[in-house]
PDB file of N, CA and C in Angstrom:
ATOM      1  N   MET A   1      15.193   1.547  -0.574  1.00  0.00           N
ATOM      2  CA  MET A   1      14.956   0.522  -1.592  1.00  0.00           C
ATOM      3  C   MET A   1      15.685  -0.702  -1.099  1.00  0.00           C
ATOM      4  N   VAL A   2      15.053  -1.980  -1.232  1.00  0.00           N
ATOM      5  CA  VAL A   2      15.517  -3.205  -0.805  1.00  0.00           C
ATOM      6  C   VAL A   2      15.146  -4.138  -2.126  1.00  0.00           C
ATOM      7  N   ASP A   3      16.336  -4.793  -2.635  1.00  0.00           N
ATOM      8  CA  ASP A   3      16.189  -5.689  -3.696  1.00  0.00           C
ATOM      9  C   ASP A   3      16.033  -7.008  -3.127  1.00  0.00           C
ATOM     10  N   LEU A   4      14.958  -7.730  -3.174  1.00  0.00           N
ATOM     11  CA  LEU A   4      14.655  -9.033  -2.810  1.00  0.00           C
ATOM     12  C   LEU A   4      15.046 -10.097  -3.736  1.00  0.00           C
ATOM     13  N   GLY A   5      15.448  -9.634  -4.837  1.00  0.00           N
ATOM     14  CA  GLY A   5      15.869 -10.759  -5.924  1.00  0.00           C
ATOM     15  C   GLY A   5      14.578 -10.920  -6.771  1.00  0.00           C
ATOM     16  N   ILE A   6      13.438 -11.189  -6.220  1.00  0.00           N
ATOM     17  CA  ILE A   6      12.258 -11.343  -7.018  1.00  0.00           C
ATOM     18  C   ILE A   6      11.406 -10.009  -7.131  1.00  0.00           C
ATOM     19  N   ALA A   7      11.777  -9.070  -6.524  1.00  0.00           N
ATOM     20  CA  ALA A   7      11.109  -7.704  -6.664  1.00  0.00           C
ATOM     21  C   ALA A   7      12.035  -6.583  -5.855  1.00  0.00           C
ATOM     22  N   ARG A   8      11.829  -5.386  -6.406  1.00  0.00           N
ATOM     23  CA  ARG A   8      12.414  -4.262  -5.886  1.00  0.00           C
ATOM     24  C   ARG A   8      11.381  -3.530  -4.973  1.00  0.00           C
ATOM     25  N   VAL A   9      11.708  -3.479  -3.830  1.00  0.00           N
ATOM     26  CA  VAL A   9      10.771  -3.021  -2.651  1.00  0.00           C
ATOM     27  C   VAL A   9      11.134  -1.515  -2.106  1.00  0.00           C
ATOM     28  N   GLY A  10      10.118  -0.727  -2.119  1.00  0.00           N
ATOM     29  CA  GLY A  10      10.312   0.576  -1.360  1.00  0.00           C
ATOM     30  C   GLY A  10       9.444   0.541  -0.238  1.00  0.00           C
ATOM     31  N   LEU A  11       9.918   1.365   0.772  1.00  0.00           N
ATOM     32  CA  LEU A  11       9.226   1.442   2.120  1.00  0.00           C
ATOM     33  C   LEU A  11       8.652   2.688   2.478  1.00  0.00           C
ATOM     34  N   ALA A  12       7.552   2.898   3.154  1.00  0.00           N
ATOM     35  CA  ALA A  12       7.099   4.171   3.652  1.00  0.00           C
ATOM     36  C   ALA A  12       6.185   3.939   4.873  1.00  0.00           C
ATOM     37  N   ILE A  13       6.114   4.925   5.667  1.00  0.00           N
ATOM     38  CA  ILE A  13       5.433   4.772   6.884  1.00  0.00           C
ATOM     39  C   ILE A  13       4.304   5.784   7.071  1.00  0.00           C
ATOM     40  N   CYS A  14       3.176   5.405   7.493  1.00  0.00           N
ATOM     41  CA  CYS A  14       2.041   6.032   8.021  1.00  0.00           C
ATOM     42  C   CYS A  14       1.710   7.319   7.069  1.00  0.00           C
ATOM     43  N   TYR A  15       1.844   8.486   7.588  1.00  0.00           N
ATOM     44  CA  TYR A  15       1.365   9.734   6.845  1.00  0.00           C
ATOM     45  C   TYR A  15       2.258   9.815   5.464  1.00  0.00           C
ATOM     46  N   ASP A  16       3.174   9.145   5.286  1.00  0.00           N
ATOM     47  CA  ASP A  16       3.946   9.200   3.930  1.00  0.00           C
ATOM     48  C   ASP A  16       3.061   8.981   2.828  1.00  0.00           C
ATOM     49  N   HIS A  17       1.921   8.301   2.991  1.00  0.00           N
ATOM     50  CA  HIS A  17       1.020   7.957   1.810  1.00  0.00           C
ATOM     51  C   HIS A  17       0.439   9.237   1.396  1.00  0.00           C
ATOM     52  N   ALA A  18       0.561  10.341   2.078  1.00  0.00           N
ATOM     53  CA  ALA A  18       0.018  11.681   1.709  1.00  0.00           C
ATOM     54  C   ALA A  18       1.025  12.504   0.781  1.00  0.00           C
ATOM     55  N   ILE A  19       2.244  11.931   0.633  1.00  0.00           N
ATOM     56  CA  ILE A  19       3.368  12.666  -0.017  1.00  0.00           C
ATOM     57  C   ILE A  19       3.629  11.950  -1.320  1.00  0.00           C
ATOM     58  N   PRO A  20       2.925  12.392  -2.435  1.00  0.00           N
ATOM     59  CA  PRO A  20       3.069  11.693  -3.760  1.00  0.00           C
ATOM     60  C   PRO A  20       4.538  11.717  -4.255  1.00  0.00           C
ATOM     61  N   GLU A  21       5.297  12.659  -3.908  1.00  0.00           N
ATOM     62  CA  GLU A  21       6.681  12.740  -4.355  1.00  0.00           C
ATOM     63  C   GLU A  21       7.598  11.691  -3.879  1.00  0.00           C
ATOM     64  N   LEU A  22       7.378  11.147  -2.656  1.00  0.00           N
ATOM     65  CA  LEU A  22       8.084  10.061  -2.040  1.00  0.00           C
ATOM     66  C   LEU A  22       7.819   8.823  -3.128  1.00  0.00           C
ATOM     67  N   PHE A  23       6.591   8.560  -3.294  1.00  0.00           N
ATOM     68  CA  PHE A  23       6.218   7.332  -4.144  1.00  0.00           C
ATOM     69  C   PHE A  23       6.810   7.553  -5.572  1.00  0.00           C
ATOM     70  N   ARG A  24       6.787   8.670  -6.129  1.00  0.00           N
ATOM     71  CA  ARG A  24       7.366   8.931  -7.420  1.00  0.00           C
ATOM     72  C   ARG A  24       8.843   8.610  -7.373  1.00  0.00           C
ATOM     73  N   THR A  25       9.534   9.211  -6.437  1.00  0.00           N
ATOM     74  CA  THR A  25      11.011   8.990  -6.320  1.00  0.00           C
ATOM     75  C   THR A  25      11.291   7.454  -6.089  1.00  0.00           C
ATOM     76  N   LEU A  26      10.542   6.684  -5.265  1.00  0.00           N
ATOM     77  CA  LEU A  26      10.774   5.292  -5.134  1.00  0.00           C
ATOM     78  C   LEU A  26      10.485   4.627  -6.497  1.00  0.00           C
ATOM     79  N   SER A  27       9.532   4.978  -7.260  1.00  0.00           N
ATOM     80  CA  SER A  27       9.185   4.505  -8.474  1.00  0.00           C
ATOM     81  C   SER A  27      10.268   4.652  -9.449  1.00  0.00           C
ATOM     82  N   LEU A  28      10.892   5.850  -9.544  1.00  0.00           N
ATOM     83  CA  LEU A  28      11.934   6.286 -10.502  1.00  0.00           C
ATOM     84  C   LEU A  28      13.252   5.386 -10.038  1.00  0.00           C
ATOM     85  N   LYS A  29      13.386   4.961  -8.784  1.00  0.00           N
ATOM     86  CA  LYS A  29      14.544   4.243  -8.338  1.00  0.00           C
ATOM     87  C   LYS A  29      14.208   2.763  -8.629  1.00  0.00           C
ATOM     88  N   GLY A  30      13.109   2.305  -9.194  1.00  0.00           N
ATOM     89  CA  GLY A  30      12.816   1.101  -9.747  1.00  0.00           C
ATOM     90  C   GLY A  30      11.973   0.188  -8.752  1.00  0.00           C
ATOM     91  N   ALA A  31      11.333   0.817  -7.754  1.00  0.00           N
ATOM     92  CA  ALA A  31      10.283   0.022  -6.919  1.00  0.00           C
ATOM     93  C   ALA A  31       9.213  -0.659  -7.769  1.00  0.00           C
ATOM     94  N   GLN A  32       9.017  -1.837  -7.417  1.00  0.00           N
ATOM     95  CA  GLN A  32       7.933  -2.497  -8.150  1.00  0.00           C
ATOM     96  C   GLN A  32       6.744  -2.653  -7.185  1.00  0.00           C
ATOM     97  N   ILE A  33       7.022  -2.730  -5.938  1.00  0.00           N
ATOM     98  CA  ILE A  33       5.962  -2.675  -4.838  1.00  0.00           C
ATOM     99  C   ILE A  33       6.484  -1.814  -3.708  1.00  0.00           C
ATOM    100  N   ILE A  34       5.665  -1.051  -3.135  1.00  0.00           N
ATOM    101  CA  ILE A  34       5.917  -0.158  -1.929  1.00  0.00           C
ATOM    102  C   ILE A  34       4.979  -0.750  -0.808  1.00  0.00           C
ATOM    103  N   PHE A  35       5.626  -1.074   0.303  1.00  0.00           N
ATOM    104  CA  PHE A  35       4.984  -1.419   1.562  1.00  0.00           C
ATOM    105  C   PHE A  35       4.693  -0.039   2.323  1.00  0.00           C
ATOM    106  N   ILE A  36       3.529   0.155   2.869  1.00  0.00           N
ATOM    107  CA  ILE A  36       3.311   1.261   3.716  1.00  0.00           C
ATOM    108  C   ILE A  36       2.782   0.760   5.031  1.00  0.00           C
ATOM    109  N   LEU A  37       3.601   1.005   5.967  1.00  0.00           N
ATOM    110  CA  LEU A  37       3.200   0.555   7.466  1.00  0.00           C
ATOM    111  C   LEU A  37       2.530   1.703   8.221  1.00  0.00           C
ATOM    112  N   SER A  38       1.341   1.563   8.593  1.00  0.00           N
ATOM    113  CA  SER A  38       0.545   2.701   9.332  1.00  0.00           C
ATOM    114  C   SER A  38      -0.209   2.306  10.417  1.00  0.00           C
ATOM    115  N   ALA A  39      -0.759   3.220  11.127  1.00  0.00           N
ATOM    116  CA  ALA A  39      -1.725   3.155  12.281  1.00  0.00           C
ATOM    117  C   ALA A  39      -2.836   4.089  12.019  1.00  0.00           C
ATOM    118  N   VAL A  40      -3.604   4.023  10.976  1.00  0.00           N
ATOM    119  CA  VAL A  40      -4.761   4.794  10.701  1.00  0.00           C
ATOM    120  C   VAL A  40      -5.881   4.587  11.560  1.00  0.00           C
ATOM    121  N   PRO A  41      -6.541   5.497  12.356  1.00  0.00           N
ATOM    122  CA  PRO A  41      -7.491   5.253  13.310  1.00  0.00           C
ATOM    123  C   PRO A  41      -8.824   5.268  12.536  1.00  0.00           C
ATOM    124  N   LYS A  42      -9.879   4.760  13.220  1.00  0.00           N
ATOM    125  CA  LYS A  42     -11.264   4.646  12.637  1.00  0.00           C
ATOM    126  C   LYS A  42     -11.656   6.205  12.347  1.00  0.00           C
ATOM    127  N   GLY A  43     -12.432   6.361  11.365  1.00  0.00           N
ATOM    128  CA  GLY A  43     -12.789   7.722  11.008  1.00  0.00           C
ATOM    129  C   GLY A  43     -12.087   8.297   9.751  1.00  0.00           C
ATOM    130  N   PHE A  44     -10.895   7.596   9.574  1.00  0.00           N
ATOM    131  CA  PHE A  44      -9.948   8.041   8.548  1.00  0.00           C
ATOM    132  C   PHE A  44      -9.711   7.012   7.556  1.00  0.00           C
ATOM    133  N   GLU A  45     -10.676   5.908   7.380  1.00  0.00           N
ATOM    134  CA  GLU A  45     -10.453   4.887   6.436  1.00  0.00           C
ATOM    135  C   GLU A  45     -10.447   5.460   5.117  1.00  0.00           C
ATOM    136  N   TYR A  46     -11.182   6.420   4.713  1.00  0.00           N
ATOM    137  CA  TYR A  46     -11.275   6.981   3.464  1.00  0.00           C
ATOM    138  C   TYR A  46      -9.930   7.491   2.870  1.00  0.00           C
ATOM    139  N   LEU A  47      -9.124   7.966   3.839  1.00  0.00           N
ATOM    140  CA  LEU A  47      -7.825   8.361   3.441  1.00  0.00           C
ATOM    141  C   LEU A  47      -6.890   7.234   3.048  1.00  0.00           C
ATOM    142  N   LEU A  48      -6.890   6.048   3.909  1.00  0.00           N
ATOM    143  CA  LEU A  48      -6.144   4.959   3.569  1.00  0.00           C
ATOM    144  C   LEU A  48      -6.635   4.270   2.264  1.00  0.00           C
ATOM    145  N   ASN A  49      -7.936   4.246   1.967  1.00  0.00           N
ATOM    146  CA  ASN A  49      -8.334   3.712   0.684  1.00  0.00           C
ATOM    147  C   ASN A  49      -8.085   4.496  -0.470  1.00  0.00           C
ATOM    148  N   LEU A  50      -8.239   5.836  -0.332  1.00  0.00           N
ATOM    149  CA  LEU A  50      -7.913   6.815  -1.410  1.00  0.00           C
ATOM    150  C   LEU A  50      -6.464   6.783  -1.719  1.00  0.00           C
ATOM    151  N   ARG A  51      -5.689   6.924  -0.769  1.00  0.00           N
ATOM    152  CA  ARG A  51      -4.266   7.144  -1.002  1.00  0.00           C
ATOM    153  C   ARG A  51      -3.434   5.969  -1.428  1.00  0.00           C
ATOM    154  N   ALA A  52      -3.872   4.756  -0.942  1.00  0.00           N
ATOM    155  CA  ALA A  52      -3.296   3.608  -1.369  1.00  0.00           C
ATOM    156  C   ALA A  52      -3.522   3.285  -2.906  1.00  0.00           C
ATOM    157  N   ARG A  53      -4.790   3.532  -3.287  1.00  0.00           N
ATOM    158  CA  ARG A  53      -5.089   3.324  -4.757  1.00  0.00           C
ATOM    159  C   ARG A  53      -4.498   4.428  -5.564  1.00  0.00           C
ATOM    160  N   ALA A  54      -4.493   5.713  -5.084  1.00  0.00           N
ATOM    161  CA  ALA A  54      -3.885   6.775  -5.844  1.00  0.00           C
ATOM    162  C   ALA A  54      -2.450   6.599  -6.046  1.00  0.00           C
ATOM    163  N   ARG A  55      -1.638   6.199  -4.994  1.00  0.00           N
ATOM    164  CA  ARG A  55      -0.261   6.072  -5.224  1.00  0.00           C
ATOM    165  C   ARG A  55       0.081   4.804  -6.099  1.00  0.00           C
ATOM    166  N   ALA A  56      -0.761   3.840  -5.999  1.00  0.00           N
ATOM    167  CA  ALA A  56      -0.469   2.792  -6.921  1.00  0.00           C
ATOM    168  C   ALA A  56      -0.635   3.069  -8.251  1.00  0.00           C
ATOM    169  N   GLN A  57      -1.792   3.766  -8.556  1.00  0.00           N
ATOM    170  CA  GLN A  57      -2.150   4.141 -10.016  1.00  0.00           C
ATOM    171  C   GLN A  57      -1.274   5.248 -10.569  1.00  0.00           C
ATOM    172  N   ASP A  58      -0.993   6.238  -9.654  1.00  0.00           N
ATOM    173  CA  ASP A  58      -0.023   7.369 -10.041  1.00  0.00           C
ATOM    174  C   ASP A  58       1.361   6.878 -10.619  1.00  0.00           C
ATOM    175  N   ASN A  59       1.832   5.783 -10.061  1.00  0.00           N
ATOM    176  CA  ASN A  59       3.143   5.265 -10.445  1.00  0.00           C
ATOM    177  C   ASN A  59       3.261   3.926 -10.958  1.00  0.00           C
ATOM    178  N   GLN A  60       1.986   3.450 -11.342  1.00  0.00           N
ATOM    179  CA  GLN A  60       1.917   2.027 -11.960  1.00  0.00           C
ATOM    180  C   GLN A  60       2.844   1.137 -11.321  1.00  0.00           C
ATOM    181  N   LEU A  61       2.463   0.844 -10.062  1.00  0.00           N
ATOM    182  CA  LEU A  61       3.248  -0.199  -9.281  1.00  0.00           C
ATOM    183  C   LEU A  61       2.232  -0.631  -8.176  1.00  0.00           C
ATOM    184  N   PHE A  62       2.772  -1.763  -7.497  1.00  0.00           N
ATOM    185  CA  PHE A  62       1.899  -2.336  -6.434  1.00  0.00           C
ATOM    186  C   PHE A  62       2.109  -1.630  -5.077  1.00  0.00           C
ATOM    187  N   ILE A  63       1.034  -1.619  -4.362  1.00  0.00           N
ATOM    188  CA  ILE A  63       1.017  -1.015  -2.987  1.00  0.00           C
ATOM    189  C   ILE A  63       0.613  -2.080  -1.973  1.00  0.00           C
ATOM    190  N   ALA A  64       1.431  -2.280  -1.081  1.00  0.00           N
ATOM    191  CA  ALA A  64       0.873  -3.164   0.048  1.00  0.00           C
ATOM    192  C   ALA A  64       0.898  -2.318   1.373  1.00  0.00           C
ATOM    193  N   HIS A  65      -0.464  -1.896   1.589  1.00  0.00           N
ATOM    194  CA  HIS A  65      -0.635  -1.060   2.768  1.00  0.00           C
ATOM    195  C   HIS A  65      -0.966  -1.859   4.057  1.00  0.00           C
ATOM    196  N   VAL A  66      -0.076  -1.866   4.999  1.00  0.00           N
ATOM    197  CA  VAL A  66      -0.181  -2.664   6.142  1.00  0.00           C
ATOM    198  C   VAL A  66      -0.796  -1.737   7.304  1.00  0.00           C
ATOM    199  N   ASN A  67      -2.030  -1.956   7.755  1.00  0.00           N
ATOM    200  CA  ASN A  67      -2.489  -0.951   8.760  1.00  0.00           C
ATOM    201  C   ASN A  67      -2.815  -1.663  10.013  1.00  0.00           C
ATOM    202  N   ARG A  68      -2.735  -0.983  11.125  1.00  0.00           N
ATOM    203  CA  ARG A  68      -2.908  -1.491  12.528  1.00  0.00           C
ATOM    204  C   ARG A  68      -4.394  -1.760  12.712  1.00  0.00           C
ATOM    205  N   VAL A  69      -4.762  -2.769  13.374  1.00  0.00           N
ATOM    206  CA  VAL A  69      -6.173  -2.972  13.583  1.00  0.00           C
ATOM    207  C   VAL A  69      -6.318  -3.253  15.091  1.00  0.00           C
ATOM    208  N   GLY A  70      -7.588  -3.052  15.678  1.00  0.00           N
ATOM    209  CA  GLY A  70      -7.773  -3.285  17.138  1.00  0.00           C
ATOM    210  C   GLY A  70      -7.768  -1.928  17.900  1.00  0.00           C
ATOM    211  N   LYS A  71      -7.537  -2.050  19.196  1.00  0.00           N
ATOM    212  CA  LYS A  71      -7.687  -0.851  20.060  1.00  0.00           C
ATOM    213  C   LYS A  71      -6.517  -0.669  20.869  1.00  0.00           C
ATOM    214  N   ASP A  72      -6.190   0.481  21.161  1.00  0.00           N
ATOM    215  CA  ASP A  72      -5.091   0.852  21.963  1.00  0.00           C
ATOM    216  C   ASP A  72      -5.399   2.034  22.879  1.00  0.00           C
ATOM    217  N   GLY A  73      -5.868   1.851  24.070  1.00  0.00           N
ATOM    218  CA  GLY A  73      -6.343   2.880  24.906  1.00  0.00           C
ATOM    219  C   GLY A  73      -7.653   3.338  24.375  1.00  0.00           C
ATOM    220  N   ASP A  74      -7.807   4.613  24.081  1.00  0.00           N
ATOM    221  CA  ASP A  74      -9.106   5.098  23.451  1.00  0.00           C
ATOM    222  C   ASP A  74      -9.015   5.154  21.974  1.00  0.00           C
ATOM    223  N   ILE A  75      -7.933   4.659  21.429  1.00  0.00           N
ATOM    224  CA  ILE A  75      -7.791   4.684  19.855  1.00  0.00           C
ATOM    225  C   ILE A  75      -8.245   3.418  19.278  1.00  0.00           C
ATOM    226  N   GLN A  76      -9.146   3.500  18.401  1.00  0.00           N
ATOM    227  CA  GLN A  76      -9.569   2.370  17.573  1.00  0.00           C
ATOM    228  C   GLN A  76      -8.963   2.432  16.193  1.00  0.00           C
ATOM    229  N   PHE A  77      -8.152   1.527  15.792  1.00  0.00           N
ATOM    230  CA  PHE A  77      -7.528   1.589  14.446  1.00  0.00           C
ATOM    231  C   PHE A  77      -8.408   0.848  13.404  1.00  0.00           C
ATOM    232  N   CYS A  78      -8.334   1.249  12.211  1.00  0.00           N
ATOM    233  CA  CYS A  78      -9.307   0.816  11.181  1.00  0.00           C
ATOM    234  C   CYS A  78      -8.939  -0.465  10.444  1.00  0.00           C
ATOM    235  N   GLY A  79      -7.836  -0.872  10.579  1.00  0.00           N
ATOM    236  CA  GLY A  79      -7.392  -2.204   9.918  1.00  0.00           C
ATOM    237  C   GLY A  79      -7.455  -1.962   8.295  1.00  0.00           C
ATOM    238  N   LEU A  80      -8.224  -2.754   7.621  1.00  0.00           N
ATOM    239  CA  LEU A  80      -8.361  -2.593   6.140  1.00  0.00           C
ATOM    240  C   LEU A  80      -6.972  -2.556   5.335  1.00  0.00           C
ATOM    241  N   SER A  81      -5.972  -3.392   5.883  1.00  0.00           N
ATOM    242  CA  SER A  81      -4.686  -3.525   5.215  1.00  0.00           C
ATOM    243  C   SER A  81      -5.223  -3.995   3.792  1.00  0.00           C
ATOM    244  N   LYS A  82      -4.355  -3.727   2.708  1.00  0.00           N
ATOM    245  CA  LYS A  82      -4.849  -4.014   1.445  1.00  0.00           C
ATOM    246  C   LYS A  82      -3.666  -4.086   0.411  1.00  0.00           C
ATOM    247  N   MET A  83      -3.810  -4.778  -0.703  1.00  0.00           N
ATOM    248  CA  MET A  83      -2.926  -4.748  -1.757  1.00  0.00           C
ATOM    249  C   MET A  83      -3.562  -4.136  -2.849  1.00  0.00           C
ATOM    250  N   VAL A  84      -2.917  -3.242  -3.631  1.00  0.00           N
ATOM    251  CA  VAL A  84      -3.505  -2.531  -4.796  1.00  0.00           C
ATOM    252  C   VAL A  84      -2.581  -2.831  -5.941  1.00  0.00           C
ATOM    253  N   ASN A  85      -3.127  -3.050  -7.139  1.00  0.00           N
ATOM    254  CA  ASN A  85      -2.388  -3.264  -8.396  1.00  0.00           C
ATOM    255  C   ASN A  85      -2.074  -1.959  -9.062  1.00  0.00           C
ATOM    256  N   PRO A  86      -1.156  -1.859 -10.106  1.00  0.00           N
ATOM    257  CA  PRO A  86      -0.904  -0.708 -10.943  1.00  0.00           C
ATOM    258  C   PRO A  86      -1.919   0.055 -11.498  1.00  0.00           C
ATOM    259  N   LYS A  87      -3.170  -0.595 -11.595  1.00  0.00           N
ATOM    260  CA  LYS A  87      -4.188   0.067 -12.135  1.00  0.00           C
ATOM    261  C   LYS A  87      -5.106   0.930 -11.077  1.00  0.00           C
ATOM    262  N   GLY A  88      -4.672   0.629  -9.856  1.00  0.00           N
ATOM    263  CA  GLY A  88      -5.344   1.261  -8.670  1.00  0.00           C
ATOM    264  C   GLY A  88      -6.513   0.453  -8.161  1.00  0.00           C
ATOM    265  N   GLU A  89      -6.479  -0.919  -8.527  1.00  0.00           N
ATOM    266  CA  GLU A  89      -7.657  -1.863  -8.217  1.00  0.00           C
ATOM    267  C   GLU A  89      -7.121  -2.462  -6.901  1.00  0.00           C
ATOM    268  N   VAL A  90      -8.030  -2.600  -5.926  1.00  0.00           N
ATOM    269  CA  VAL A  90      -7.721  -3.430  -4.792  1.00  0.00           C
ATOM    270  C   VAL A  90      -7.753  -4.992  -5.059  1.00  0.00           C
ATOM    271  N   ILE A  91      -6.768  -5.730  -4.753  1.00  0.00           N
ATOM    272  CA  ILE A  91      -6.698  -7.133  -5.208  1.00  0.00           C
ATOM    273  C   ILE A  91      -6.787  -7.925  -4.004  1.00  0.00           C
ATOM    274  N   ALA A  92      -6.641  -7.403  -2.809  1.00  0.00           N
ATOM    275  CA  ALA A  92      -6.774  -8.215  -1.467  1.00  0.00           C
ATOM    276  C   ALA A  92      -7.009  -7.213  -0.454  1.00  0.00           C
ATOM    277  N   GLU A  93      -7.989  -7.566   0.479  1.00  0.00           N
ATOM    278  CA  GLU A  93      -8.178  -6.550   1.641  1.00  0.00           C
ATOM    279  C   GLU A  93      -8.433  -7.301   2.907  1.00  0.00           C
ATOM    280  N   ALA A  94      -7.886  -6.801   4.043  1.00  0.00           N
ATOM    281  CA  ALA A  94      -8.097  -7.525   5.220  1.00  0.00           C
ATOM    282  C   ALA A  94      -9.267  -6.980   6.018  1.00  0.00           C
ATOM    283  N   SER A  95      -9.549  -7.526   7.187  1.00  0.00           N
ATOM    284  CA  SER A  95     -10.730  -7.182   7.954  1.00  0.00           C
ATOM    285  C   SER A  95     -10.473  -5.683   8.578  1.00  0.00           C
ATOM    286  N   ASP A  96     -11.523  -5.128   9.020  1.00  0.00           N
ATOM    287  CA  ASP A  96     -11.498  -3.810   9.781  1.00  0.00           C
ATOM    288  C   ASP A  96     -11.537  -4.051  11.291  1.00  0.00           C
ATOM    289  N   THR A  97     -11.614  -5.332  11.740  1.00  0.00           N
ATOM    290  CA  THR A  97     -11.984  -5.644  13.056  1.00  0.00           C
ATOM    291  C   THR A  97     -10.922  -6.580  13.791  1.00  0.00           C
ATOM    292  N   GLN A  98     -10.243  -7.426  12.958  1.00  0.00           N
ATOM    293  CA  GLN A  98      -9.317  -8.452  13.509  1.00  0.00           C
ATOM    294  C   GLN A  98      -8.028  -8.548  12.728  1.00  0.00           C
ATOM    295  N   GLU A  99      -7.052  -8.994  13.345  1.00  0.00           N
ATOM    296  CA  GLU A  99      -5.753  -9.260  12.637  1.00  0.00           C
ATOM    297  C   GLU A  99      -5.942 -10.433  11.587  1.00  0.00           C
ATOM    298  N   GLU A 100      -5.236 -10.370  10.586  1.00  0.00           N
ATOM    299  CA  GLU A 100      -5.291 -11.374   9.471  1.00  0.00           C
ATOM    300  C   GLU A 100      -4.026 -11.475   8.756  1.00  0.00           C
ATOM    301  N   ALA A 101      -3.672 -12.554   8.170  1.00  0.00           N
ATOM    302  CA  ALA A 101      -2.726 -12.657   7.133  1.00  0.00           C
ATOM    303  C   ALA A 101      -3.240 -12.397   5.763  1.00  0.00           C
ATOM    304  N   LEU A 102      -2.599 -11.359   5.076  1.00  0.00           N
ATOM    305  CA  LEU A 102      -3.254 -10.983   3.702  1.00  0.00           C
ATOM    306  C   LEU A 102      -2.243 -11.487   2.725  1.00  0.00           C
ATOM    307  N   ILE A 103      -2.848 -12.250   1.785  1.00  0.00           N
ATOM    308  CA  ILE A 103      -2.045 -12.774   0.657  1.00  0.00           C
ATOM    309  C   ILE A 103      -2.579 -12.307  -0.656  1.00  0.00           C
ATOM    310  N   GLY A 104      -1.613 -11.804  -1.392  1.00  0.00           N
ATOM    311  CA  GLY A 104      -2.223 -11.320  -2.914  1.00  0.00           C
ATOM    312  C   GLY A 104      -1.078 -11.538  -3.790  1.00  0.00           C
ATOM    313  N   ALA A 105      -1.263 -11.985  -5.073  1.00  0.00           N
ATOM    314  CA  ALA A 105      -0.410 -12.252  -6.041  1.00  0.00           C
ATOM    315  C   ALA A 105      -0.043 -10.883  -6.872  1.00  0.00           C
ATOM    316  N   CYS A 106       1.291 -10.711  -6.942  1.00  0.00           N
ATOM    317  CA  CYS A 106       1.783  -9.572  -7.689  1.00  0.00           C
ATOM    318  C   CYS A 106       2.398 -10.033  -8.991  1.00  0.00           C
ATOM    319  N   GLU A 107       1.743  -9.754 -10.122  1.00  0.00           N
ATOM    320  CA  GLU A 107       2.280 -10.200 -11.427  1.00  0.00           C
ATOM    321  C   GLU A 107       2.923  -8.865 -12.084  1.00  0.00           C
ATOM    322  N   PHE A 108       4.242  -8.888 -11.880  1.00  0.00           N
ATOM    323  CA  PHE A 108       5.087  -7.706 -11.979  1.00  0.00           C
ATOM    324  C   PHE A 108       5.036  -7.343 -13.506  1.00  0.00           C
ATOM    325  N   ASP A 109       4.714  -8.232 -14.420  1.00  0.00           N
ATOM    326  CA  ASP A 109       4.664  -7.832 -15.782  1.00  0.00           C
ATOM    327  C   ASP A 109       3.489  -6.768 -16.111  1.00  0.00           C
ATOM    328  N   ILE A 110       2.570  -6.700 -15.276  1.00  0.00           N
ATOM    329  CA  ILE A 110       1.520  -5.769 -15.396  1.00  0.00           C
ATOM    330  C   ILE A 110       2.077  -4.234 -15.279  1.00  0.00           C
ATOM    331  N   ILE A 111       3.193  -4.012 -14.555  1.00  0.00           N
ATOM    332  CA  ILE A 111       3.655  -2.771 -14.368  1.00  0.00           C
ATOM    333  C   ILE A 111       4.236  -2.198 -15.788  1.00  0.00           C
ATOM    334  N   ILE A 112       4.976  -3.031 -16.442  1.00  0.00           N
ATOM    335  CA  ILE A 112       5.368  -2.709 -17.789  1.00  0.00           C
ATOM    336  C   ILE A 112       4.197  -2.377 -18.719  1.00  0.00           C
ATOM    337  N   LYS A 113       3.182  -3.206 -18.705  1.00  0.00           N
ATOM    338  CA  LYS A 113       2.017  -3.038 -19.485  1.00  0.00           C
ATOM    339  C   LYS A 113       1.309  -1.776 -19.159  1.00  0.00           C
ATOM    340  N   GLU A 114       1.119  -1.359 -17.898  1.00  0.00           N
ATOM    341  CA  GLU A 114       0.446  -0.275 -17.588  1.00  0.00           C
ATOM    342  C   GLU A 114       1.244   1.001 -17.980  1.00  0.00           C
ATOM    343  N   ARG A 115       2.602   0.935 -17.875  1.00  0.00           N
ATOM    344  CA  ARG A 115       3.423   2.081 -18.108  1.00  0.00           C
ATOM    345  C   ARG A 115       3.450   2.467 -19.584  1.00  0.00           C
ATOM    346  N   LYS A 116       3.234   1.335 -20.530  1.00  0.00           N
ATOM    347  CA  LYS A 116       3.119   1.629 -21.876  1.00  0.00           C
ATOM    348  C   LYS A 116       1.984   2.202 -22.241  1.00  0.00           C
TER     349      LYS A 116
END
């Protein structure tokens, strides 16, 4: 956990998005947004999309899933970095073919509203 003053942030990497207990623990420790850094290859986009939305909705918090894009050797990465709100709705999504800066607004009061 990292307290940035404006938000409490949890961190996860790659396959961690498949482990709901990690996100529950970070949520119970006060995370308002969890950043997931990953390198999901093409063909597995459905897992990135499903799990980012599920982890956000499961715990009623924001998810910022930052995924690699482009090619490295024979591996093509799927990109599609995204921000997901506590309802599980994608509020911003990046390209699947090129690097981009993704900007999305996190209204943290929605966390309390969703949890009620």
